[in-house]
N, C-alpha and C. Protein backbone atom coordinates (compact mmCIF):
# COMPACT_ATOMS: atom_id res chain seq x y z
N MET A 1 116.96 88.18 88.74
CA MET A 1 115.53 87.67 88.18
C MET A 1 114.33 88.62 89.01
N LEU A 2 113.21 88.88 88.55
CA LEU A 2 112.47 89.32 89.20
C LEU A 2 111.48 88.73 90.01
N VAL A 3 111.73 88.80 90.96
CA VAL A 3 110.60 87.73 92.25
C VAL A 3 109.54 88.21 92.59
N ALA A 4 109.25 89.54 92.99
CA ALA A 4 108.01 90.30 93.22
C ALA A 4 108.00 91.53 93.06
N ALA A 5 106.93 92.01 92.80
CA ALA A 5 107.13 93.68 92.33
C ALA A 5 104.96 94.19 93.31
N ARG A 6 105.42 95.24 93.33
CA ARG A 6 104.04 95.94 93.87
C ARG A 6 104.27 97.37 94.46
N ASN A 7 103.09 98.25 93.76
CA ASN A 7 103.11 99.44 94.39
C ASN A 7 104.37 100.51 94.10
N GLY A 8 105.57 99.82 92.89
CA GLY A 8 106.59 100.93 93.56
C GLY A 8 107.99 99.69 94.21
N THR A 9 107.61 99.07 94.67
CA THR A 9 108.63 98.21 95.50
C THR A 9 109.10 96.94 94.51
N VAL A 10 110.03 96.65 94.00
CA VAL A 10 110.66 95.73 93.40
C VAL A 10 111.69 94.53 94.37
N ILE A 11 111.79 93.27 93.94
CA ILE A 11 112.68 92.38 94.82
C ILE A 11 113.04 91.71 93.46
N LEU A 12 114.50 91.80 93.07
CA LEU A 12 114.95 91.02 92.80
C LEU A 12 116.25 89.79 93.42
N ALA A 13 116.70 89.02 92.55
CA ALA A 13 117.34 87.93 93.31
C ALA A 13 118.33 87.70 92.00
N ARG A 14 119.92 87.92 92.41
CA ARG A 14 121.13 87.22 91.22
C ARG A 14 122.00 86.51 92.04
N VAL A 15 122.94 85.88 91.06
CA VAL A 15 124.00 85.13 92.19
C VAL A 15 125.15 85.84 91.81
N GLU A 16 125.65 86.12 93.36
CA GLU A 16 126.94 86.93 93.54
C GLU A 16 128.08 86.15 93.71
N SER A 17 127.94 85.03 93.75
CA SER A 17 129.17 84.10 94.09
C SER A 17 129.29 82.69 93.67
N GLU A 18 129.81 81.60 93.88
CA GLU A 18 130.06 80.53 92.85
C GLU A 18 128.88 79.62 93.21
N PRO A 19 127.68 79.58 92.15
CA PRO A 19 126.61 78.72 92.56
C PRO A 19 126.93 77.31 92.99
N SER A 20 125.77 76.64 93.58
CA SER A 20 126.05 75.32 93.72
C SER A 20 125.31 74.72 92.65
N PRO A 21 125.31 72.92 92.74
CA PRO A 21 125.13 72.43 91.57
C PRO A 21 123.66 72.76 90.97
N PHE A 22 122.44 73.11 92.15
CA PHE A 22 121.51 73.43 91.80
C PHE A 22 121.37 74.87 91.49
N GLY A 23 122.13 75.56 91.72
CA GLY A 23 121.84 77.16 90.96
C GLY A 23 121.88 78.21 91.77
N GLY A 24 121.69 78.21 93.24
CA GLY A 24 121.64 79.06 93.92
C GLY A 24 123.18 79.37 95.35
N PRO A 25 123.82 79.77 96.22
CA PRO A 25 122.09 80.63 96.55
C PRO A 25 122.12 82.19 95.82
N ASP A 26 120.91 82.67 95.70
CA ASP A 26 120.75 83.95 95.21
C ASP A 26 121.11 85.62 96.61
N THR A 27 121.29 86.35 95.99
CA THR A 27 121.24 87.52 97.07
C THR A 27 120.34 88.34 96.54
N LEU A 28 119.32 89.21 97.36
CA LEU A 28 118.16 89.79 97.13
C LEU A 28 117.97 90.87 97.16
N PHE A 29 117.93 91.85 96.45
CA PHE A 29 117.59 93.26 96.68
C PHE A 29 116.37 93.37 96.62
N ALA A 30 116.16 94.70 97.34
CA ALA A 30 114.90 95.65 96.87
C ALA A 30 115.36 96.90 96.56
N ILE A 31 114.33 97.64 95.66
CA ILE A 31 114.37 98.44 94.85
C ILE A 31 113.09 99.61 95.21
N ARG A 32 113.25 100.48 95.61
CA ARG A 32 111.96 101.55 96.42
C ARG A 32 112.50 103.12 96.57
N SER A 33 111.51 103.38 95.52
CA SER A 33 111.69 105.14 95.42
C SER A 33 113.08 105.29 94.69
N GLY A 34 113.56 104.40 94.15
CA GLY A 34 114.54 105.14 93.46
C GLY A 34 116.11 104.10 93.87
N SER A 35 115.72 103.76 95.40
CA SER A 35 117.06 103.23 95.97
C SER A 35 117.13 101.76 95.78
N THR A 36 118.20 101.35 95.75
CA THR A 36 118.90 99.82 95.65
C THR A 36 118.92 99.54 97.27
N VAL A 37 118.47 98.63 97.76
CA VAL A 37 118.39 98.05 99.43
C VAL A 37 119.08 96.69 99.08
N PRO A 38 120.46 95.93 99.46
CA PRO A 38 120.32 94.51 99.54
C PRO A 38 120.13 94.16 100.51
N LEU A 39 119.28 92.93 100.56
CA LEU A 39 118.70 92.50 101.98
C LEU A 39 119.72 91.58 102.41
N SER A 40 119.79 90.07 101.76
CA SER A 40 121.01 89.29 102.24
C SER A 40 120.78 88.04 101.10
N LYS A 41 121.65 87.43 101.60
CA LYS A 41 121.69 85.94 100.82
C LYS A 41 120.60 85.13 101.40
N ALA A 42 120.24 84.28 100.28
CA ALA A 42 119.34 83.57 100.44
C ALA A 42 119.62 82.24 101.41
N ASP A 43 119.24 81.70 102.22
CA ASP A 43 119.75 80.67 102.82
C ASP A 43 118.86 79.27 101.98
N THR A 44 119.78 79.23 101.05
CA THR A 44 119.12 78.01 100.11
C THR A 44 120.40 77.95 99.20
N ASN A 45 119.96 76.29 98.49
CA ASN A 45 121.06 76.29 97.46
C ASN A 45 120.37 76.18 96.06
N THR A 46 119.26 76.72 95.81
CA THR A 46 118.51 76.78 94.62
C THR A 46 118.01 78.33 94.66
N PRO A 47 117.82 78.93 93.02
CA PRO A 47 117.39 80.12 92.89
C PRO A 47 116.10 80.55 93.87
N VAL A 48 115.99 81.64 93.98
CA VAL A 48 114.28 82.14 94.73
C VAL A 48 113.73 82.61 93.53
N SER A 49 112.33 81.90 93.15
CA SER A 49 111.75 82.32 92.38
C SER A 49 110.23 82.53 92.76
N VAL A 50 110.03 82.05 94.17
CA VAL A 50 108.43 82.73 94.56
C VAL A 50 108.64 84.13 95.65
N GLY A 51 107.75 84.99 95.78
CA GLY A 51 107.82 86.02 96.83
C GLY A 51 106.90 86.66 96.65
N ALA A 52 106.58 87.68 97.60
CA ALA A 52 105.39 88.79 97.64
C ALA A 52 105.46 89.73 98.52
N VAL A 53 105.26 91.07 98.07
CA VAL A 53 105.21 92.11 98.64
C VAL A 53 104.20 92.73 99.29
N SER A 54 104.24 93.00 100.66
CA SER A 54 103.02 93.68 101.53
C SER A 54 102.20 94.69 100.81
N PRO A 55 100.94 94.90 100.71
CA PRO A 55 100.31 95.81 100.29
C PRO A 55 100.76 97.30 100.70
N ASP A 56 101.44 97.96 101.56
CA ASP A 56 102.02 98.96 101.90
C ASP A 56 103.52 98.77 101.62
N GLY A 57 104.12 97.70 101.00
CA GLY A 57 105.37 98.03 100.22
C GLY A 57 106.48 97.99 101.74
N ASP A 58 106.09 97.74 102.58
CA ASP A 58 107.11 97.65 104.24
C ASP A 58 107.38 96.42 104.22
N ASN A 59 106.98 94.98 103.58
CA ASN A 59 107.10 93.73 104.20
C ASN A 59 107.29 93.23 102.93
N TYR A 60 108.20 92.08 102.92
CA TYR A 60 108.29 91.11 101.90
C TYR A 60 108.27 89.70 102.29
N ALA A 61 107.89 88.55 101.42
CA ALA A 61 107.53 87.36 101.93
C ALA A 61 108.43 86.55 100.70
N PHE A 62 109.53 85.30 100.85
CA PHE A 62 109.89 84.65 99.77
C PHE A 62 110.02 83.22 100.11
N GLY A 63 110.10 82.61 99.31
CA GLY A 63 110.18 80.88 99.48
C GLY A 63 111.60 80.60 99.24
N LEU A 64 111.87 79.25 100.44
CA LEU A 64 113.03 78.74 100.16
C LEU A 64 113.05 77.36 99.90
N TYR A 65 113.85 76.56 98.51
CA TYR A 65 113.73 75.46 98.48
C TYR A 65 115.36 74.96 98.49
N ARG A 66 115.67 73.93 99.82
CA ARG A 66 116.68 73.85 99.97
C ARG A 66 116.99 72.08 99.33
N ARG A 67 117.16 72.17 98.33
CA ARG A 67 117.50 70.70 97.34
C ARG A 67 118.53 70.02 98.32
N SER A 68 118.22 68.76 98.43
CA SER A 68 119.44 67.79 98.79
C SER A 68 119.36 66.31 97.70
N SER A 69 118.58 66.36 96.75
CA SER A 69 118.55 65.54 95.89
C SER A 69 117.52 65.85 94.13
N ASN A 70 117.95 64.90 93.30
CA ASN A 70 116.87 65.61 92.30
C ASN A 70 115.88 65.19 92.70
N ALA A 71 115.02 64.46 93.52
CA ALA A 71 113.69 64.23 93.67
C ALA A 71 113.43 64.62 95.39
N CYS A 72 114.28 65.46 95.80
CA CYS A 72 113.42 66.13 97.33
C CYS A 72 114.19 66.90 97.53
N GLY A 73 113.96 67.89 98.57
CA GLY A 73 114.42 69.18 99.24
C GLY A 73 113.39 69.67 100.07
N GLN A 74 113.85 70.64 101.11
CA GLN A 74 112.74 70.89 102.25
C GLN A 74 112.67 72.59 102.00
N GLY A 75 111.37 73.00 101.83
CA GLY A 75 111.14 74.38 101.95
C GLY A 75 110.86 75.28 102.99
N ALA A 76 110.79 76.44 103.01
CA ALA A 76 111.14 77.34 103.99
C ALA A 76 110.26 78.62 103.17
N VAL A 77 109.26 79.39 104.58
CA VAL A 77 109.39 80.96 103.99
C VAL A 77 110.13 81.87 104.91
N THR A 78 110.63 83.04 104.47
CA THR A 78 111.31 83.64 104.96
C THR A 78 110.67 85.25 104.84
N LEU A 79 110.24 86.04 105.95
CA LEU A 79 109.58 87.39 105.74
C LEU A 79 110.68 88.12 106.36
N VAL A 80 110.37 89.26 105.49
CA VAL A 80 111.80 90.28 105.97
C VAL A 80 111.05 91.68 105.85
N LYS A 81 111.41 92.58 106.93
CA LYS A 81 111.14 93.87 107.27
C LYS A 81 112.00 94.72 106.58
N LEU A 82 111.42 95.39 105.51
CA LEU A 82 112.47 96.41 104.34
C LEU A 82 113.02 97.26 105.01
N ALA A 83 112.41 97.96 106.13
CA ALA A 83 112.94 99.43 107.01
C ALA A 83 114.17 98.68 107.59
N ASP A 84 114.22 97.58 108.51
CA ASP A 84 115.36 97.33 109.00
C ASP A 84 115.92 96.05 108.62
N ARG A 85 115.70 95.30 107.57
CA ARG A 85 115.96 94.26 106.97
C ARG A 85 116.13 93.04 108.14
N SER A 86 115.12 92.89 108.88
CA SER A 86 115.47 91.94 109.93
C SER A 86 114.91 90.91 109.38
N GLN A 87 114.79 89.42 109.58
CA GLN A 87 114.51 88.17 108.73
C GLN A 87 113.32 87.35 109.54
N GLN A 88 112.63 86.60 109.77
CA GLN A 88 112.44 85.50 110.24
C GLN A 88 111.73 84.44 109.32
N THR A 89 112.33 83.30 109.48
CA THR A 89 112.09 82.11 108.56
C THR A 89 111.49 80.91 109.31
N ILE A 90 110.42 80.68 108.71
CA ILE A 90 109.46 79.41 109.32
C ILE A 90 109.72 77.98 108.24
N GLU A 91 110.29 77.05 108.99
CA GLU A 91 110.09 75.87 107.94
C GLU A 91 108.60 75.18 108.03
N LEU A 92 108.68 74.57 106.38
CA LEU A 92 107.54 73.92 106.04
C LEU A 92 107.39 72.92 106.67
N ASN A 93 108.39 71.99 107.18
CA ASN A 93 108.16 70.66 107.50
C ASN A 93 107.96 70.72 109.25
N GLN A 94 107.26 70.49 109.86
CA GLN A 94 107.19 70.74 111.21
C GLN A 94 106.80 69.51 111.78
N PRO A 95 107.62 68.53 112.64
CA PRO A 95 108.88 69.12 112.78
C PRO A 95 110.16 69.00 111.59
N PRO A 96 110.93 69.79 111.65
CA PRO A 96 111.79 69.61 110.80
C PRO A 96 112.37 68.22 110.62
N SER A 97 112.32 67.58 109.00
CA SER A 97 112.67 66.55 108.93
C SER A 97 113.39 66.31 107.53
N GLU A 98 114.44 65.73 107.22
CA GLU A 98 115.09 65.86 105.92
C GLU A 98 114.44 64.18 104.89
N ALA A 99 113.47 63.47 105.55
CA ALA A 99 112.89 62.55 105.09
C ALA A 99 111.97 62.85 104.20
N VAL A 100 111.21 63.91 104.63
CA VAL A 100 109.96 64.63 104.06
C VAL A 100 110.21 65.91 103.14
N GLY A 101 110.25 65.84 101.54
CA GLY A 101 110.49 66.88 100.80
C GLY A 101 109.00 67.88 100.81
N SER A 102 109.15 69.11 100.74
CA SER A 102 107.93 69.93 101.02
C SER A 102 108.89 71.61 100.02
N GLN A 103 107.96 71.47 99.39
CA GLN A 103 108.20 72.97 98.28
C GLN A 103 106.90 73.89 98.12
N ILE A 104 107.11 75.48 98.41
CA ILE A 104 106.08 76.20 97.99
C ILE A 104 105.69 76.66 96.26
N SER A 105 104.48 76.44 95.94
CA SER A 105 104.12 76.80 94.38
C SER A 105 104.11 78.24 93.82
N LYS A 106 102.87 78.77 95.24
CA LYS A 106 102.81 80.25 94.83
C LYS A 106 102.81 81.00 95.92
N MET A 107 102.92 82.28 95.84
CA MET A 107 103.06 82.98 97.05
C MET A 107 101.91 84.73 96.84
N TRP A 108 101.49 84.98 97.79
CA TRP A 108 100.71 86.41 97.39
C TRP A 108 100.49 86.83 98.86
N TRP A 109 100.10 88.42 98.40
CA TRP A 109 100.10 88.97 99.81
C TRP A 109 98.49 89.84 99.65
N PRO A 110 97.14 89.17 100.23
CA PRO A 110 96.12 90.15 99.98
C PRO A 110 96.25 91.29 100.57
N ALA A 111 95.31 91.94 100.10
CA ALA A 111 94.96 93.66 100.78
C ALA A 111 93.94 93.21 102.27
N GLY A 112 94.53 93.52 103.52
CA GLY A 112 93.92 93.29 104.68
C GLY A 112 94.02 91.95 105.51
N GLY A 113 95.30 91.37 104.56
CA GLY A 113 95.35 90.23 105.33
C GLY A 113 97.02 89.80 105.29
N PRO A 114 97.30 88.55 105.67
CA PRO A 114 98.92 88.37 105.98
C PRO A 114 99.30 87.31 104.81
N ALA A 115 101.01 87.54 104.44
CA ALA A 115 101.22 86.74 103.47
C ALA A 115 100.67 85.20 103.39
N THR A 116 100.64 84.70 102.04
CA THR A 116 99.47 84.08 102.01
C THR A 116 100.26 82.57 100.99
N LEU A 117 100.38 81.43 101.35
CA LEU A 117 101.32 80.82 100.05
C LEU A 117 100.57 79.34 99.71
N SER A 118 100.83 78.37 98.89
CA SER A 118 100.72 77.31 98.44
C SER A 118 101.51 76.25 98.32
N TYR A 119 101.52 75.11 99.30
CA TYR A 119 102.77 74.01 99.21
C TYR A 119 102.32 72.73 99.29
N SER A 120 103.08 71.86 99.38
CA SER A 120 102.91 70.42 99.24
C SER A 120 103.99 69.60 99.80
N SER A 121 103.95 68.52 100.37
CA SER A 121 105.13 67.94 100.73
C SER A 121 105.12 66.35 100.63
N TRP A 122 106.08 65.70 100.48
CA TRP A 122 105.91 63.81 100.22
C TRP A 122 107.28 63.51 100.91
N ASN A 123 106.95 62.17 100.86
CA ASN A 123 107.97 61.09 101.34
C ASN A 123 108.96 60.98 100.51
N CYS A 124 110.33 61.48 100.73
CA CYS A 124 111.54 61.12 99.89
C CYS A 124 111.97 60.16 99.16
N SER A 125 111.58 58.88 100.00
CA SER A 125 111.60 57.55 99.69
C SER A 125 110.98 56.83 99.11
N ASP A 126 109.43 57.18 98.97
CA ASP A 126 108.49 56.69 97.76
C ASP A 126 107.94 57.83 97.13
N MET A 127 107.89 58.73 97.23
CA MET A 127 107.50 60.03 96.52
C MET A 127 105.79 59.98 96.86
N SER A 128 105.62 59.55 98.14
CA SER A 128 103.94 59.58 98.27
C SER A 128 103.53 60.99 98.86
N THR A 129 102.57 61.21 99.05
CA THR A 129 102.18 62.98 99.21
C THR A 129 101.87 62.39 100.82
N THR A 130 102.45 63.55 101.47
CA THR A 130 102.14 63.71 103.24
C THR A 130 100.99 64.78 103.61
N VAL A 131 101.36 65.77 102.55
CA VAL A 131 100.31 66.90 103.08
C VAL A 131 100.38 67.54 101.21
N PRO A 132 99.02 67.27 100.68
CA PRO A 132 98.77 68.11 99.53
C PRO A 132 98.77 69.34 99.21
N GLN A 133 98.85 69.52 97.90
CA GLN A 133 98.81 71.00 97.39
C GLN A 133 97.46 72.18 98.28
N THR A 134 98.01 72.43 99.22
CA THR A 134 97.07 73.52 99.78
C THR A 134 97.76 74.96 100.13
N VAL A 135 96.31 75.62 100.73
CA VAL A 135 96.88 77.28 100.99
C VAL A 135 96.89 77.44 102.35
N TRP A 136 98.34 78.21 102.72
CA TRP A 136 98.42 78.59 104.24
C TRP A 136 98.78 79.93 104.51
N GLN A 137 98.49 80.67 105.63
CA GLN A 137 98.82 81.89 105.76
C GLN A 137 99.83 82.22 106.88
N LEU A 138 100.55 82.98 106.76
CA LEU A 138 101.58 83.21 107.91
C LEU A 138 100.96 83.62 109.25
N ALA A 139 100.97 83.44 109.98
CA ALA A 139 100.48 83.73 111.74
C ALA A 139 101.58 83.74 112.64
N GLY A 140 102.33 84.72 112.71
CA GLY A 140 103.48 84.88 114.12
C GLY A 140 104.61 83.73 113.12
N ASP A 141 105.11 82.81 113.95
CA ASP A 141 106.06 82.23 113.98
C ASP A 141 105.45 80.62 113.58
N HIS A 142 104.38 80.77 112.77
CA HIS A 142 103.91 79.80 112.42
C HIS A 142 103.02 79.65 110.92
N LEU A 143 102.60 78.95 110.11
CA LEU A 143 101.41 78.44 109.34
C LEU A 143 100.19 78.25 109.78
N VAL A 144 99.17 78.39 109.28
CA VAL A 144 97.84 78.38 109.81
C VAL A 144 97.38 77.96 108.18
N GLN A 145 96.42 76.62 108.00
CA GLN A 145 96.00 76.50 106.80
C GLN A 145 94.55 77.01 106.22
N GLN A 146 94.44 77.47 105.22
CA GLN A 146 93.05 77.60 105.11
C GLN A 146 92.35 76.47 104.23
N SER A 147 91.38 76.57 103.69
CA SER A 147 90.15 75.73 103.15
C SER A 147 90.04 76.70 101.62
N PRO A 148 89.87 75.47 100.74
CA PRO A 148 89.26 74.72 100.85
C PRO A 148 90.96 73.60 101.03
N ASP A 149 90.60 72.11 100.91
CA ASP A 149 91.84 71.32 101.04
C ASP A 149 92.76 71.20 100.27
N ARG A 150 92.59 71.29 99.10
CA ARG A 150 93.39 71.35 97.87
C ARG A 150 93.44 72.42 96.84
N ALA A 151 94.49 73.41 97.03
CA ALA A 151 94.43 74.56 96.16
C ALA A 151 96.02 75.31 95.68
N LEU A 152 95.89 75.61 94.75
CA LEU A 152 97.14 76.46 94.24
C LEU A 152 97.30 78.03 94.68
N GLU A 153 96.13 78.28 93.98
CA GLU A 153 95.67 79.64 94.80
C GLU A 153 94.24 80.12 95.10
N ILE A 154 94.16 81.04 95.96
CA ILE A 154 92.52 81.49 96.21
C ILE A 154 92.49 83.08 96.21
N LEU A 155 91.78 83.34 95.70
CA LEU A 155 91.20 85.09 95.57
C LEU A 155 90.00 85.27 95.73
N ASN A 156 89.70 86.12 96.97
CA ASN A 156 88.63 86.25 97.76
C ASN A 156 88.20 88.05 96.56
N LEU A 157 86.83 87.63 96.02
CA LEU A 157 86.30 88.29 95.43
C LEU A 157 85.35 89.38 95.85
N SER A 158 84.47 88.88 96.98
CA SER A 158 83.62 89.41 97.59
C SER A 158 83.10 88.39 98.94
N PRO A 159 82.68 88.85 100.16
CA PRO A 159 82.31 88.13 101.03
C PRO A 159 82.52 86.77 100.90
N HIS A 160 81.17 86.47 99.98
CA HIS A 160 80.83 85.30 99.55
C HIS A 160 81.18 84.84 98.43
N GLU A 161 82.23 85.27 97.69
CA GLU A 161 82.43 84.77 96.45
C GLU A 161 84.14 84.60 96.39
N ARG A 162 84.56 83.53 95.87
CA ARG A 162 86.10 83.56 95.76
C ARG A 162 86.63 82.77 94.26
N ALA A 163 87.69 82.89 93.72
CA ALA A 163 88.16 82.42 92.67
C ALA A 163 89.29 81.19 93.19
N ILE A 164 89.42 80.17 92.60
CA ILE A 164 90.03 79.29 92.96
C ILE A 164 90.85 78.31 92.31
N ILE A 165 92.12 77.91 91.90
CA ILE A 165 92.66 77.23 91.33
C ILE A 165 92.99 75.81 91.62
N ILE A 166 92.44 74.75 91.52
CA ILE A 166 92.61 73.37 92.10
C ILE A 166 93.39 72.51 91.39
N PRO A 167 94.75 72.19 91.71
CA PRO A 167 95.75 71.35 91.19
C PRO A 167 94.88 69.72 91.24
N GLU A 168 95.75 69.09 89.98
CA GLU A 168 95.65 67.72 90.21
C GLU A 168 96.25 66.94 91.01
N GLN A 169 95.49 66.01 92.00
CA GLN A 169 96.45 65.15 92.79
C GLN A 169 97.76 64.55 92.12
N SER A 170 98.65 65.01 92.85
CA SER A 170 99.92 64.74 92.59
C SER A 170 101.09 64.98 94.29
N ALA A 171 102.03 64.30 94.19
CA ALA A 171 102.78 64.51 95.15
C ALA A 171 103.92 65.51 94.60
N GLN A 172 104.47 65.72 93.66
CA GLN A 172 105.27 66.69 93.16
C GLN A 172 104.52 68.14 93.36
N PRO A 173 104.58 69.12 93.43
CA PRO A 173 103.84 70.81 93.20
C PRO A 173 103.37 71.01 91.77
N GLN A 174 102.41 71.16 91.74
CA GLN A 174 101.54 71.63 89.98
C GLN A 174 101.78 72.78 90.14
N ALA A 175 102.02 73.51 88.64
CA ALA A 175 101.99 74.80 88.33
C ALA A 175 100.62 75.16 87.83
N SER A 176 99.84 74.64 87.61
CA SER A 176 98.81 75.04 87.32
C SER A 176 97.54 74.28 87.75
N GLY A 177 96.20 74.46 87.43
CA GLY A 177 94.94 73.51 87.83
C GLY A 177 93.90 73.88 87.16
N THR A 178 92.46 73.81 87.69
CA THR A 178 91.39 74.05 87.32
C THR A 178 90.60 75.32 87.61
N LEU A 179 90.42 76.18 87.01
CA LEU A 179 89.88 77.56 87.66
C LEU A 179 88.36 77.38 88.05
N VAL A 180 87.95 77.52 89.39
CA VAL A 180 86.72 77.42 89.60
C VAL A 180 85.96 78.60 90.18
N ILE A 181 85.19 79.10 90.12
CA ILE A 181 84.09 80.17 90.74
C ILE A 181 83.55 79.84 91.79
N GLU A 182 83.51 80.22 93.05
CA GLU A 182 82.78 79.46 94.10
C GLU A 182 81.98 80.66 94.98
N ILE A 183 80.61 80.22 95.08
CA ILE A 183 79.40 81.40 95.20
C ILE A 183 78.60 80.81 96.25
N ASN A 184 78.89 81.07 97.73
CA ASN A 184 78.15 80.67 98.66
C ASN A 184 78.55 78.86 98.75
N GLY A 185 79.68 78.80 98.45
CA GLY A 185 79.96 77.07 98.56
C GLY A 185 79.65 76.75 97.10
N LYS A 186 79.04 77.13 96.11
CA LYS A 186 78.61 76.63 95.20
C LYS A 186 79.77 76.70 94.05
N ARG A 187 80.41 75.78 93.32
CA ARG A 187 81.67 76.04 92.47
C ARG A 187 81.34 75.67 91.18
N THR A 188 81.70 76.66 90.15
CA THR A 188 81.39 76.63 88.54
C THR A 188 82.59 76.62 88.24
N MET A 189 82.84 75.86 87.32
CA MET A 189 84.45 75.51 86.67
C MET A 189 84.64 76.66 85.42
N ILE A 190 85.61 77.15 85.35
CA ILE A 190 85.57 78.18 83.98
C ILE A 190 86.95 77.82 83.28
N HIS A 191 87.79 77.17 83.92
CA HIS A 191 88.76 77.15 82.55
C HIS A 191 89.65 75.65 83.33
N ALA A 192 90.44 75.31 82.39
CA ALA A 192 91.58 74.22 82.92
C ALA A 192 93.21 74.82 82.52
N GLN A 193 93.80 74.21 83.04
CA GLN A 193 95.67 74.58 82.90
C GLN A 193 95.52 76.37 83.40
N VAL A 194 94.97 76.47 84.31
CA VAL A 194 95.76 77.81 84.68
C VAL A 194 96.13 78.04 85.77
N SER A 195 97.42 78.87 85.59
CA SER A 195 98.60 79.07 86.61
C SER A 195 98.62 80.43 87.42
N ASP A 196 97.42 81.34 87.31
CA ASP A 196 97.40 82.48 87.94
C ASP A 196 96.51 83.32 87.97
N ILE A 197 95.74 83.85 88.91
CA ILE A 197 94.63 84.57 88.82
C ILE A 197 95.13 86.10 89.49
N ALA A 198 94.37 87.43 89.04
CA ALA A 198 94.40 88.48 89.30
C ALA A 198 93.09 89.14 89.68
N HIS A 199 92.96 89.96 90.76
CA HIS A 199 91.85 90.98 90.81
C HIS A 199 91.87 92.40 90.18
N ILE A 200 91.42 92.67 89.18
CA ILE A 200 91.52 93.81 88.19
C ILE A 200 90.34 94.71 88.94
N GLY A 201 90.50 95.62 89.49
CA GLY A 201 89.05 96.76 90.21
C GLY A 201 88.68 97.30 88.76
N ALA A 202 87.84 97.90 89.33
CA ALA A 202 86.75 98.73 88.07
C ALA A 202 87.81 99.57 87.86
N GLN A 203 87.49 100.29 86.70
CA GLN A 203 88.44 101.37 86.01
C GLN A 203 87.54 102.54 86.02
N PRO A 204 87.62 103.99 85.95
CA PRO A 204 87.19 104.80 86.06
C PRO A 204 86.71 104.90 84.41
N PRO A 205 85.16 105.65 84.23
CA PRO A 205 85.45 105.66 82.54
C PRO A 205 85.84 106.47 81.58
N HIS A 206 86.37 106.60 80.69
CA HIS A 206 87.09 107.60 80.18
C HIS A 206 86.25 108.39 79.53
N VAL A 207 86.51 110.03 79.69
CA VAL A 207 85.78 110.70 79.53
C VAL A 207 86.19 111.57 78.15
């Protein structure tokens, strides 16, 4: 399964041993300059489905979801340096708790910034929200929340302009939301049920 790709670096995941009842764990591979490098077996019992490659292709981040029941599980993000395959894992639940569910929805790596993700968390007992779907950035050994309060994905277009996907309020992670363009704090709705956004730079004119 393709997890992420950028500028000639491709990250793949596949099950190489007897899978758990939830489908994992996956073994991850990086393909770069025609060479395939095995990374590691993901520390999770579900398939790896979200990840991002750094702009220079030297680092990779992917999301983990360790399912404990049909309604609950705990999320984490792992950062891998492709040069030496060293890893660092940050738990979403702080402090770690099996009574609280958490899961990453999206992950991306903006140019000039750290790996960024959106996630939400909920109480496993009654499915009430503890952290709404919000955007966070990796900062050393922890995550730092970004604004606004609720978002599935944020794309900075210019110093005062950005595109934001705002999900519906729900205890469980949402796969899509309403796309708005924010200019100097003022928002304009563009479209509903949007799942992904991308910034396509200006193309040179055809001669």
